[in-house]
Amino acid sequence: MRRDEPSARAATRAATLWSDAWDDLRRRPMFWCSVVLIALIAAVALFPGLFAQAAPNNDCLLGNSNGGPAPGHPLGFTKQGCDIYARIVHGTGTSLSVGVLSTALMAVLGVVFGALAGFYGGWVDAVLSRVGDIFFSIPYILAAVVIMSVFAKFANVWVISLAIGVFAWPATARVLRAEVLRVRTADHVMAATAIGLSPFRILLRHVLPNSIAPVIVVTTLSLAGSIVAEATLSFLGVGLPSDVMSWGNDISQAQNDLRTAPQTLVYPSLALSVTVLSFIMLGEVVRDALDPKARARR
């Protein structure tokens, strides 16, 4: 056997969408930058005690009210004398939890509705599409405000995630429905139908795996939107209770001290912006990597 035969076989092996996407992603600096930032944010959310030694609520002293940086307190203090850095670190888990839970809910609902509507068509598509249109016509922020106002006594991470996710899934469903409509006419789907596989099995084994790529992009971007939605609701006073550490709550409490103590508002806002930007950057590079036309234009 000649030495170059393995490499020749590898060169002629049919490339898949995912392998092509990975080859493109690993050459993109923005991908690695976003991955590193997201990994750091996830580590802070999971292990806040490793990043902040001060207690975010128990070590508050009014004598430090709106104070500047001090030894062991690099970002200064809030109006209540609490450590800003510790509150940001411990608030990361809250914001990220809401983003992940609400995004998971909207992904599940969007995949179920979009896959069934696109694959079965007919009256199933008509009914599910009209349901999606009804939810799509309702701004999910406005709907979440109403839900959180009604269930204010039960406000927690689960309730606010439900309020956001249950009204934000139609975009995912529309994207998946369009992709399923394209994939279900492919040759391998027709071949599976010809050998007698059940429609539901064809949907799960042959259609969904080849239609899920755009959903990954939408989900990544939706995660950023969910984090912003939680911060917006908490800022408006209809989100998480004020005693729950959240970037939205900190921004809301700091807005009146912007001129006298800007650090109380700037640092939580910066943490929110960096987190949202990280997921948006990841969504953008993944979208370009999964689009052969976008790869060809670069």
C-alpha atoms as a PDB file:
ATOM      1  CA  MET A   1       0.000   0.000   0.000  1.00  0.00           C
ATOM      2  CA  ARG A   2       1.377   3.393  -0.923  1.00  0.00           C
ATOM      3  CA  ARG A   3       2.005   5.906   1.835  1.00  0.00           C
ATOM      4  CA  ASP A   4      -0.339   8.543   0.410  1.00  0.00           C
ATOM      5  CA  GLU A   5      -3.382   6.247   0.036  1.00  0.00           C
ATOM      6  CA  PRO A   6      -4.950   7.049   3.471  1.00  0.00           C
ATOM      7  CA  SER A   7      -4.694  10.755   2.803  1.00  0.00           C
ATOM      8  CA  ALA A   8      -6.184  10.258  -0.633  1.00  0.00           C
ATOM      9  CA  ARG A   9      -9.149   8.392   0.840  1.00  0.00           C
ATOM     10  CA  ALA A  10      -9.606  11.126   3.440  1.00  0.00           C
ATOM     11  CA  ALA A  11      -9.557  13.776   0.752  1.00  0.00           C
ATOM     12  CA  THR A  12     -12.232  12.024  -1.261  1.00  0.00           C
ATOM     13  CA  ARG A  13     -14.444  11.239   1.745  1.00  0.00           C
ATOM     14  CA  ALA A  14     -17.746  13.107   1.521  1.00  0.00           C
ATOM     15  CA  ALA A  15     -17.757  16.087   3.872  1.00  0.00           C
ATOM     16  CA  THR A  16     -20.786  16.680   6.034  1.00  0.00           C
ATOM     17  CA  LEU A  17     -22.405  19.970   6.945  1.00  0.00           C
ATOM     18  CA  TRP A  18     -21.160  19.661  10.527  1.00  0.00           C
ATOM     19  CA  SER A  19     -17.564  18.860   9.583  1.00  0.00           C
ATOM     20  CA  ASP A  20     -17.481  21.765   7.153  1.00  0.00           C
ATOM     21  CA  ALA A  21     -18.954  24.035   9.818  1.00  0.00           C
ATOM     22  CA  TRP A  22     -16.363  22.947  12.393  1.00  0.00           C
ATOM     23  CA  ASP A  23     -13.525  23.463   9.921  1.00  0.00           C
ATOM     24  CA  ASP A  24     -14.795  26.993   9.403  1.00  0.00           C
ATOM     25  CA  LEU A  25     -15.468  27.721  13.088  1.00  0.00           C
ATOM     26  CA  ARG A  26     -12.069  26.704  14.375  1.00  0.00           C
ATOM     27  CA  ARG A  27     -10.444  29.238  12.056  1.00  0.00           C
ATOM     28  CA  ARG A  28     -12.607  32.112  13.283  1.00  0.00           C
ATOM     29  CA  PRO A  29     -11.103  34.195  16.147  1.00  0.00           C
ATOM     30  CA  MET A  30     -14.554  35.494  17.044  1.00  0.00           C
ATOM     31  CA  PHE A  31     -15.720  31.931  17.702  1.00  0.00           C
ATOM     32  CA  TRP A  32     -12.935  31.249  20.193  1.00  0.00           C
ATOM     33  CA  CYS A  33     -13.401  34.651  21.811  1.00  0.00           C
ATOM     34  CA  SER A  34     -17.107  34.007  22.352  1.00  0.00           C
ATOM     35  CA  VAL A  35     -16.499  30.445  23.589  1.00  0.00           C
ATOM     36  CA  VAL A  36     -13.926  31.627  26.135  1.00  0.00           C
ATOM     37  CA  LEU A  37     -16.236  34.372  27.391  1.00  0.00           C
ATOM     38  CA  ILE A  38     -19.221  32.013  27.657  1.00  0.00           C
ATOM     39  CA  ALA A  39     -17.109  29.403  29.451  1.00  0.00           C
ATOM     40  CA  LEU A  40     -15.945  32.045  31.929  1.00  0.00           C
ATOM     41  CA  ILE A  41     -19.507  33.284  32.480  1.00  0.00           C
ATOM     42  CA  ALA A  42     -20.728  29.719  33.012  1.00  0.00           C
ATOM     43  CA  ALA A  43     -17.935  29.085  35.524  1.00  0.00           C
ATOM     44  CA  VAL A  44     -18.862  32.249  37.429  1.00  0.00           C
ATOM     45  CA  ALA A  45     -22.533  31.211  37.461  1.00  0.00           C
ATOM     46  CA  LEU A  46     -21.777  27.691  38.696  1.00  0.00           C
ATOM     47  CA  PHE A  47     -19.031  28.516  41.188  1.00  0.00           C
ATOM     48  CA  PRO A  48     -19.491  32.115  42.377  1.00  0.00           C
ATOM     49  CA  GLY A  49     -17.603  31.432  45.597  1.00  0.00           C
ATOM     50  CA  LEU A  50     -14.397  30.903  43.621  1.00  0.00           C
ATOM     51  CA  PHE A  51     -14.577  34.393  42.124  1.00  0.00           C
ATOM     52  CA  ALA A  52     -15.932  36.525  44.980  1.00  0.00           C
ATOM     53  CA  GLN A  53     -15.003  36.150  48.643  1.00  0.00           C
ATOM     54  CA  ALA A  54     -17.289  38.881  50.012  1.00  0.00           C
ATOM     55  CA  ALA A  55     -20.911  38.028  50.779  1.00  0.00           C
ATOM     56  CA  PRO A  56     -23.185  40.002  48.421  1.00  0.00           C
ATOM     57  CA  ASN A  57     -25.820  40.788  51.070  1.00  0.00           C
ATOM     58  CA  ASN A  58     -24.487  39.970  54.533  1.00  0.00           C
ATOM     59  CA  ASP A  59     -21.471  42.313  54.480  1.00  0.00           C
ATOM     60  CA  CYS A  60     -23.389  45.480  53.591  1.00  0.00           C
ATOM     61  CA  LEU A  61     -22.453  48.544  55.660  1.00  0.00           C
ATOM     62  CA  LEU A  62     -24.221  51.864  55.207  1.00  0.00           C
ATOM     63  CA  GLY A  63     -20.932  53.569  55.980  1.00  0.00           C
ATOM     64  CA  ASN A  64     -19.712  52.335  52.581  1.00  0.00           C
ATOM     65  CA  SER A  65     -22.786  53.679  50.737  1.00  0.00           C
ATOM     66  CA  ASN A  66     -21.893  54.494  47.114  1.00  0.00           C
ATOM     67  CA  GLY A  67     -18.217  54.248  48.029  1.00  0.00           C
ATOM     68  CA  GLY A  68     -15.466  53.790  45.501  1.00  0.00           C
ATOM     69  CA  PRO A  69     -13.036  50.896  45.154  1.00  0.00           C
ATOM     70  CA  ALA A  70     -11.384  49.641  48.330  1.00  0.00           C
ATOM     71  CA  PRO A  71      -9.023  46.769  49.192  1.00  0.00           C
ATOM     72  CA  GLY A  72     -10.954  43.551  48.545  1.00  0.00           C
ATOM     73  CA  HIS A  73     -13.770  45.507  46.848  1.00  0.00           C
ATOM     74  CA  PRO A  74     -12.436  46.415  43.383  1.00  0.00           C
ATOM     75  CA  LEU A  75     -15.656  47.900  41.967  1.00  0.00           C
ATOM     76  CA  GLY A  76     -16.871  49.857  44.991  1.00  0.00           C
ATOM     77  CA  PHE A  77     -20.171  49.683  46.843  1.00  0.00           C
ATOM     78  CA  THR A  78     -23.892  50.101  46.187  1.00  0.00           C
ATOM     79  CA  LYS A  79     -26.163  52.581  47.929  1.00  0.00           C
ATOM     80  CA  GLN A  80     -26.807  50.012  50.655  1.00  0.00           C
ATOM     81  CA  GLY A  81     -23.063  49.509  51.110  1.00  0.00           C
ATOM     82  CA  CYS A  82     -22.960  46.094  49.414  1.00  0.00           C
ATOM     83  CA  ASP A  83     -19.995  44.969  47.340  1.00  0.00           C
ATOM     84  CA  ILE A  84     -20.755  45.598  43.649  1.00  0.00           C
ATOM     85  CA  TYR A  85     -18.337  42.950  42.419  1.00  0.00           C
ATOM     86  CA  ALA A  86     -19.833  40.268  44.672  1.00  0.00           C
ATOM     87  CA  ARG A  87     -23.364  41.142  43.573  1.00  0.00           C
ATOM     88  CA  ILE A  88     -22.394  40.942  39.920  1.00  0.00           C
ATOM     89  CA  VAL A  89     -20.719  37.556  40.431  1.00  0.00           C
ATOM     90  CA  HIS A  90     -23.636  36.076  42.375  1.00  0.00           C
ATOM     91  CA  GLY A  91     -26.182  37.639  40.006  1.00  0.00           C
ATOM     92  CA  THR A  92     -24.616  35.843  37.040  1.00  0.00           C
ATOM     93  CA  GLY A  93     -26.225  32.549  38.006  1.00  0.00           C
ATOM     94  CA  THR A  94     -29.684  34.119  38.210  1.00  0.00           C
ATOM     95  CA  SER A  95     -29.516  35.804  34.814  1.00  0.00           C
ATOM     96  CA  LEU A  96     -27.978  32.773  33.123  1.00  0.00           C
ATOM     97  CA  SER A  97     -30.510  30.401  34.722  1.00  0.00           C
ATOM     98  CA  VAL A  98     -33.434  32.427  33.402  1.00  0.00           C
ATOM     99  CA  GLY A  99     -31.826  32.565  29.963  1.00  0.00           C
ATOM    100  CA  VAL A 100     -31.184  28.827  29.787  1.00  0.00           C
ATOM    101  CA  LEU A 101     -34.580  27.756  31.163  1.00  0.00           C
ATOM    102  CA  SER A 102     -36.649  30.084  28.986  1.00  0.00           C
ATOM    103  CA  THR A 103     -34.579  29.248  25.898  1.00  0.00           C
ATOM    104  CA  ALA A 104     -34.970  25.517  26.551  1.00  0.00           C
ATOM    105  CA  LEU A 105     -38.731  25.951  26.837  1.00  0.00           C
ATOM    106  CA  MET A 106     -39.033  27.965  23.640  1.00  0.00           C
ATOM    107  CA  ALA A 107     -36.761  25.487  21.815  1.00  0.00           C
ATOM    108  CA  VAL A 108     -38.899  22.506  22.862  1.00  0.00           C
ATOM    109  CA  LEU A 109     -42.155  24.212  21.912  1.00  0.00           C
ATOM    110  CA  GLY A 110     -40.704  25.573  18.683  1.00  0.00           C
ATOM    111  CA  VAL A 111     -39.285  22.209  17.602  1.00  0.00           C
ATOM    112  CA  VAL A 112     -42.508  20.321  18.354  1.00  0.00           C
ATOM    113  CA  PHE A 113     -44.807  22.801  16.630  1.00  0.00           C
ATOM    114  CA  GLY A 114     -42.467  23.519  13.703  1.00  0.00           C
ATOM    115  CA  ALA A 115     -41.598  19.883  12.996  1.00  0.00           C
ATOM    116  CA  LEU A 116     -45.184  18.632  13.104  1.00  0.00           C
ATOM    117  CA  ALA A 117     -46.510  21.528  11.016  1.00  0.00           C
ATOM    118  CA  GLY A 118     -43.823  21.247   8.358  1.00  0.00           C
ATOM    119  CA  PHE A 119     -43.769  17.457   8.064  1.00  0.00           C
ATOM    120  CA  TYR A 120     -47.446  16.540   8.146  1.00  0.00           C
ATOM    121  CA  GLY A 121     -48.821  19.616   6.373  1.00  0.00           C
ATOM    122  CA  GLY A 122     -52.545  19.851   5.617  1.00  0.00           C
ATOM    123  CA  TRP A 123     -54.858  20.650   8.498  1.00  0.00           C
ATOM    124  CA  VAL A 124     -52.086  19.962  11.021  1.00  0.00           C
ATOM    125  CA  ASP A 125     -49.961  22.680   9.444  1.00  0.00           C
ATOM    126  CA  ALA A 126     -52.953  25.036   9.231  1.00  0.00           C
ATOM    127  CA  VAL A 127     -53.921  24.646  12.885  1.00  0.00           C
ATOM    128  CA  LEU A 128     -50.398  24.790  14.318  1.00  0.00           C
ATOM    129  CA  SER A 129     -49.413  27.701  12.096  1.00  0.00           C
ATOM    130  CA  ARG A 130     -52.448  29.718  13.207  1.00  0.00           C
ATOM    131  CA  VAL A 131     -51.613  28.979  16.843  1.00  0.00           C
ATOM    132  CA  GLY A 132     -48.092  30.188  16.167  1.00  0.00           C
ATOM    133  CA  ASP A 133     -49.422  33.332  14.468  1.00  0.00           C
ATOM    134  CA  ILE A 134     -51.532  34.124  17.529  1.00  0.00           C
ATOM    135  CA  PHE A 135     -48.539  33.859  19.852  1.00  0.00           C
ATOM    136  CA  PHE A 136     -46.312  35.651  17.347  1.00  0.00           C
ATOM    137  CA  SER A 137     -48.672  38.637  17.314  1.00  0.00           C
ATOM    138  CA  ILE A 138     -48.242  39.100  21.077  1.00  0.00           C
ATOM    139  CA  PRO A 139     -44.984  40.868  22.072  1.00  0.00           C
ATOM    140  CA  TYR A 140     -43.454  38.420  24.527  1.00  0.00           C
ATOM    141  CA  ILE A 141     -42.083  41.188  26.739  1.00  0.00           C
ATOM    142  CA  LEU A 142     -45.576  42.654  27.107  1.00  0.00           C
ATOM    143  CA  ALA A 143     -47.040  39.212  27.775  1.00  0.00           C
ATOM    144  CA  ALA A 144     -44.352  38.527  30.368  1.00  0.00           C
ATOM    145  CA  VAL A 145     -45.114  41.840  32.084  1.00  0.00           C
ATOM    146  CA  VAL A 146     -48.772  40.840  32.390  1.00  0.00           C
ATOM    147  CA  ILE A 147     -47.963  37.338  33.651  1.00  0.00           C
ATOM    148  CA  MET A 148     -45.428  38.554  36.186  1.00  0.00           C
ATOM    149  CA  SER A 149     -47.848  41.225  37.402  1.00  0.00           C
ATOM    150  CA  VAL A 150     -50.563  38.617  37.950  1.00  0.00           C
ATOM    151  CA  PHE A 151     -48.222  36.147  39.649  1.00  0.00           C
ATOM    152  CA  ALA A 152     -46.144  38.723  41.523  1.00  0.00           C
ATOM    153  CA  LYS A 153     -46.471  36.773  44.790  1.00  0.00           C
ATOM    154  CA  PHE A 154     -44.930  33.704  43.159  1.00  0.00           C
ATOM    155  CA  ALA A 155     -42.159  35.486  41.260  1.00  0.00           C
ATOM    156  CA  ASN A 156     -39.013  33.369  40.987  1.00  0.00           C
ATOM    157  CA  VAL A 157     -36.620  32.075  38.343  1.00  0.00           C
ATOM    158  CA  TRP A 158     -39.051  29.365  37.181  1.00  0.00           C
ATOM    159  CA  VAL A 159     -42.041  31.674  36.814  1.00  0.00           C
ATOM    160  CA  ILE A 160     -40.166  34.355  34.906  1.00  0.00           C
ATOM    161  CA  SER A 161     -38.598  31.706  32.639  1.00  0.00           C
ATOM    162  CA  LEU A 162     -42.058  30.328  31.906  1.00  0.00           C
ATOM    163  CA  ALA A 163     -43.416  33.825  31.239  1.00  0.00           C
ATOM    164  CA  ILE A 164     -40.683  34.502  28.684  1.00  0.00           C
ATOM    165  CA  GLY A 165     -40.403  31.088  27.049  1.00  0.00           C
ATOM    166  CA  VAL A 166     -44.081  30.323  26.537  1.00  0.00           C
ATOM    167  CA  PHE A 167     -44.539  33.392  24.312  1.00  0.00           C
ATOM    168  CA  ALA A 168     -41.176  33.455  22.500  1.00  0.00           C
ATOM    169  CA  TRP A 169     -41.250  30.099  20.676  1.00  0.00           C
ATOM    170  CA  PRO A 170     -43.019  31.023  17.377  1.00  0.00           C
ATOM    171  CA  ALA A 171     -39.800  32.325  15.772  1.00  0.00           C
ATOM    172  CA  THR A 172     -38.105  28.965  16.334  1.00  0.00           C
ATOM    173  CA  ALA A 173     -41.168  27.112  15.025  1.00  0.00           C
ATOM    174  CA  ARG A 174     -41.257  29.182  11.835  1.00  0.00           C
ATOM    175  CA  VAL A 175     -37.581  28.607  11.101  1.00  0.00           C
ATOM    176  CA  LEU A 176     -37.841  24.855  11.678  1.00  0.00           C
ATOM    177  CA  ARG A 177     -41.086  24.533   9.699  1.00  0.00           C
ATOM    178  CA  ALA A 178     -39.461  26.123   6.654  1.00  0.00           C
ATOM    179  CA  GLU A 179     -36.435  23.834   6.939  1.00  0.00           C
ATOM    180  CA  VAL A 180     -38.589  20.704   7.383  1.00  0.00           C
ATOM    181  CA  LEU A 181     -40.582  21.628   4.282  1.00  0.00           C
ATOM    182  CA  ARG A 182     -37.322  21.686   2.357  1.00  0.00           C
ATOM    183  CA  VAL A 183     -35.835  18.482   3.794  1.00  0.00           C
ATOM    184  CA  ARG A 184     -38.948  16.292   3.571  1.00  0.00           C
ATOM    185  CA  THR A 185     -38.711  16.247  -0.248  1.00  0.00           C
ATOM    186  CA  ALA A 186     -35.092  15.030  -0.204  1.00  0.00           C
ATOM    187  CA  ASP A 187     -34.162  11.717  -1.817  1.00  0.00           C
ATOM    188  CA  HIS A 188     -33.228   9.954   1.418  1.00  0.00           C
ATOM    189  CA  VAL A 189     -36.633  10.837   2.929  1.00  0.00           C
ATOM    190  CA  MET A 190     -38.416   9.483  -0.119  1.00  0.00           C
ATOM    191  CA  ALA A 191     -36.304   6.331   0.084  1.00  0.00           C
ATOM    192  CA  ALA A 192     -37.244   5.862   3.742  1.00  0.00           C
ATOM    193  CA  THR A 193     -40.903   6.245   2.801  1.00  0.00           C
ATOM    194  CA  ALA A 194     -40.532   3.722  -0.004  1.00  0.00           C
ATOM    195  CA  ILE A 195     -39.165   1.011   2.296  1.00  0.00           C
ATOM    196  CA  GLY A 196     -42.162   1.392   4.593  1.00  0.00           C
ATOM    197  CA  LEU A 197     -40.885   3.369   7.591  1.00  0.00           C
ATOM    198  CA  SER A 198     -43.607   5.066   9.612  1.00  0.00           C
ATOM    199  CA  PRO A 199     -43.971   8.846   9.137  1.00  0.00           C
ATOM    200  CA  PHE A 200     -43.115   9.611  12.760  1.00  0.00           C
ATOM    201  CA  ARG A 201     -39.961   7.489  12.563  1.00  0.00           C
ATOM    202  CA  ILE A 202     -38.959   9.222   9.351  1.00  0.00           C
ATOM    203  CA  LEU A 203     -39.477  12.579  11.046  1.00  0.00           C
ATOM    204  CA  LEU A 204     -37.289  11.656  14.010  1.00  0.00           C
ATOM    205  CA  ARG A 205     -34.521   9.792  12.182  1.00  0.00           C
ATOM    206  CA  HIS A 206     -34.244  11.473   8.807  1.00  0.00           C
ATOM    207  CA  VAL A 207     -35.937  14.864   8.784  1.00  0.00           C
ATOM    208  CA  LEU A 208     -35.195  16.457  12.161  1.00  0.00           C
ATOM    209  CA  PRO A 209     -31.443  15.684  12.215  1.00  0.00           C
ATOM    210  CA  ASN A 210     -31.090  17.370   8.822  1.00  0.00           C
ATOM    211  CA  SER A 211     -33.267  20.341   9.774  1.00  0.00           C
ATOM    212  CA  ILE A 212     -31.923  21.257  13.188  1.00  0.00           C
ATOM    213  CA  ALA A 213     -28.989  23.462  12.119  1.00  0.00           C
ATOM    214  CA  PRO A 214     -30.971  26.728  11.803  1.00  0.00           C
ATOM    215  CA  VAL A 215     -32.632  26.026  15.166  1.00  0.00           C
ATOM    216  CA  ILE A 216     -29.224  25.948  16.838  1.00  0.00           C
ATOM    217  CA  VAL A 217     -28.512  29.435  15.537  1.00  0.00           C
ATOM    218  CA  VAL A 218     -31.918  30.772  16.576  1.00  0.00           C
ATOM    219  CA  THR A 219     -31.585  29.182  20.020  1.00  0.00           C
ATOM    220  CA  THR A 220     -28.183  30.759  20.611  1.00  0.00           C
ATOM    221  CA  LEU A 221     -29.510  34.200  19.731  1.00  0.00           C
ATOM    222  CA  SER A 222     -32.686  33.584  21.754  1.00  0.00           C
ATOM    223  CA  LEU A 223     -30.580  32.892  24.832  1.00  0.00           C
ATOM    224  CA  ALA A 224     -29.150  36.387  24.608  1.00  0.00           C
ATOM    225  CA  GLY A 225     -32.660  37.790  24.156  1.00  0.00           C
ATOM    226  CA  SER A 226     -33.949  35.886  27.182  1.00  0.00           C
ATOM    227  CA  ILE A 227     -31.211  37.314  29.412  1.00  0.00           C
ATOM    228  CA  VAL A 228     -32.103  40.811  28.227  1.00  0.00           C
ATOM    229  CA  ALA A 229     -35.801  40.088  28.797  1.00  0.00           C
ATOM    230  CA  GLU A 230     -35.169  39.065  32.421  1.00  0.00           C
ATOM    231  CA  ALA A 231     -33.116  42.209  33.028  1.00  0.00           C
ATOM    232  CA  THR A 232     -35.836  44.328  31.428  1.00  0.00           C
ATOM    233  CA  LEU A 233     -38.607  42.824  33.536  1.00  0.00           C
ATOM    234  CA  SER A 234     -36.578  43.200  36.737  1.00  0.00           C
ATOM    235  CA  PHE A 235     -35.699  46.780  35.782  1.00  0.00           C
ATOM    236  CA  LEU A 236     -39.393  47.560  35.338  1.00  0.00           C
ATOM    237  CA  GLY A 237     -40.138  46.116  38.776  1.00  0.00           C
ATOM    238  CA  VAL A 238     -42.217  43.175  37.537  1.00  0.00           C
ATOM    239  CA  GLY A 239     -39.455  40.595  37.335  1.00  0.00           C
ATOM    240  CA  LEU A 240     -37.624  38.913  40.154  1.00  0.00           C
ATOM    241  CA  PRO A 241     -38.143  40.158  43.748  1.00  0.00           C
ATOM    242  CA  SER A 242     -35.802  42.931  44.844  1.00  0.00           C
ATOM    243  CA  ASP A 243     -34.074  40.641  47.351  1.00  0.00           C
ATOM    244  CA  VAL A 244     -32.974  38.288  44.546  1.00  0.00           C
ATOM    245  CA  MET A 245     -29.553  39.119  43.128  1.00  0.00           C
ATOM    246  CA  SER A 246     -30.052  39.984  39.493  1.00  0.00           C
ATOM    247  CA  TRP A 247     -28.343  42.379  37.124  1.00  0.00           C
ATOM    248  CA  GLY A 248     -31.732  43.857  36.247  1.00  0.00           C
ATOM    249  CA  ASN A 249     -32.515  44.527  39.899  1.00  0.00           C
ATOM    250  CA  ASP A 250     -29.110  46.128  40.463  1.00  0.00           C
ATOM    251  CA  ILE A 251     -29.528  48.360  37.410  1.00  0.00           C
ATOM    252  CA  SER A 252     -33.023  49.348  38.551  1.00  0.00           C
ATOM    253  CA  GLN A 253     -31.840  50.241  42.052  1.00  0.00           C
ATOM    254  CA  ALA A 254     -28.853  52.199  40.729  1.00  0.00           C
ATOM    255  CA  GLN A 255     -30.627  54.378  38.156  1.00  0.00           C
ATOM    256  CA  ASN A 256     -31.259  57.225  40.634  1.00  0.00           C
ATOM    257  CA  ASP A 257     -27.576  57.382  41.601  1.00  0.00           C
ATOM    258  CA  LEU A 258     -26.155  57.637  38.097  1.00  0.00           C
ATOM    259  CA  ARG A 259     -24.738  61.142  38.626  1.00  0.00           C
ATOM    260  CA  THR A 260     -23.409  60.674  42.143  1.00  0.00           C
ATOM    261  CA  ALA A 261     -22.257  57.055  41.947  1.00  0.00           C
ATOM    262  CA  PRO A 262     -22.154  55.885  38.293  1.00  0.00           C
ATOM    263  CA  GLN A 263     -20.273  52.713  39.175  1.00  0.00           C
ATOM    264  CA  THR A 264     -23.399  51.198  40.725  1.00  0.00           C
ATOM    265  CA  LEU A 265     -25.085  51.235  37.318  1.00  0.00           C
ATOM    266  CA  VAL A 266     -22.158  50.963  34.911  1.00  0.00           C
ATOM    267  CA  TYR A 267     -20.696  47.669  36.151  1.00  0.00           C
ATOM    268  CA  PRO A 268     -23.927  45.588  36.191  1.00  0.00           C
ATOM    269  CA  SER A 269     -24.789  47.038  32.779  1.00  0.00           C
ATOM    270  CA  LEU A 270     -21.334  46.119  31.500  1.00  0.00           C
ATOM    271  CA  ALA A 271     -21.706  42.541  32.791  1.00  0.00           C
ATOM    272  CA  LEU A 272     -25.079  42.256  31.055  1.00  0.00           C
ATOM    273  CA  SER A 273     -23.701  43.702  27.808  1.00  0.00           C
ATOM    274  CA  VAL A 274     -20.670  41.391  27.724  1.00  0.00           C
ATOM    275  CA  THR A 275     -22.816  38.310  28.381  1.00  0.00           C
ATOM    276  CA  VAL A 276     -25.369  39.179  25.717  1.00  0.00           C
ATOM    277  CA  LEU A 277     -22.645  40.116  23.240  1.00  0.00           C
ATOM    278  CA  SER A 278     -20.904  36.773  23.807  1.00  0.00           C
ATOM    279  CA  PHE A 279     -23.990  34.768  22.846  1.00  0.00           C
ATOM    280  CA  ILE A 280     -24.729  37.046  19.891  1.00  0.00           C
ATOM    281  CA  MET A 281     -21.174  36.625  18.621  1.00  0.00           C
ATOM    282  CA  LEU A 282     -21.461  32.850  18.957  1.00  0.00           C
ATOM    283  CA  GLY A 283     -24.798  32.834  17.148  1.00  0.00           C
ATOM    284  CA  GLU A 284     -23.402  34.947  14.312  1.00  0.00           C
ATOM    285  CA  VAL A 285     -20.354  32.774  13.663  1.00  0.00           C
ATOM    286  CA  VAL A 286     -22.380  29.555  13.935  1.00  0.00           C
ATOM    287  CA  ARG A 287     -24.916  30.932  11.477  1.00  0.00           C
ATOM    288  CA  ASP A 288     -22.176  31.797   8.984  1.00  0.00           C
ATOM    289  CA  ALA A 289     -20.490  28.423   9.454  1.00  0.00           C
ATOM    290  CA  LEU A 290     -23.711  26.478   8.831  1.00  0.00           C
ATOM    291  CA  ASP A 291     -24.493  28.494   5.682  1.00  0.00           C
ATOM    292  CA  PRO A 292     -22.458  27.227   2.694  1.00  0.00           C
ATOM    293  CA  LYS A 293     -23.232  30.396   0.743  1.00  0.00           C
ATOM    294  CA  ALA A 294     -21.870  32.589   3.541  1.00  0.00           C
ATOM    295  CA  ARG A 295     -18.707  30.448   3.703  1.00  0.00           C
ATOM    296  CA  ALA A 296     -18.260  30.790  -0.051  1.00  0.00           C
ATOM    297  CA  ARG A 297     -18.517  34.597   0.106  1.00  0.00           C
ATOM    298  CA  ARG A 298     -15.651  34.880   2.592  1.00  0.00           C
END
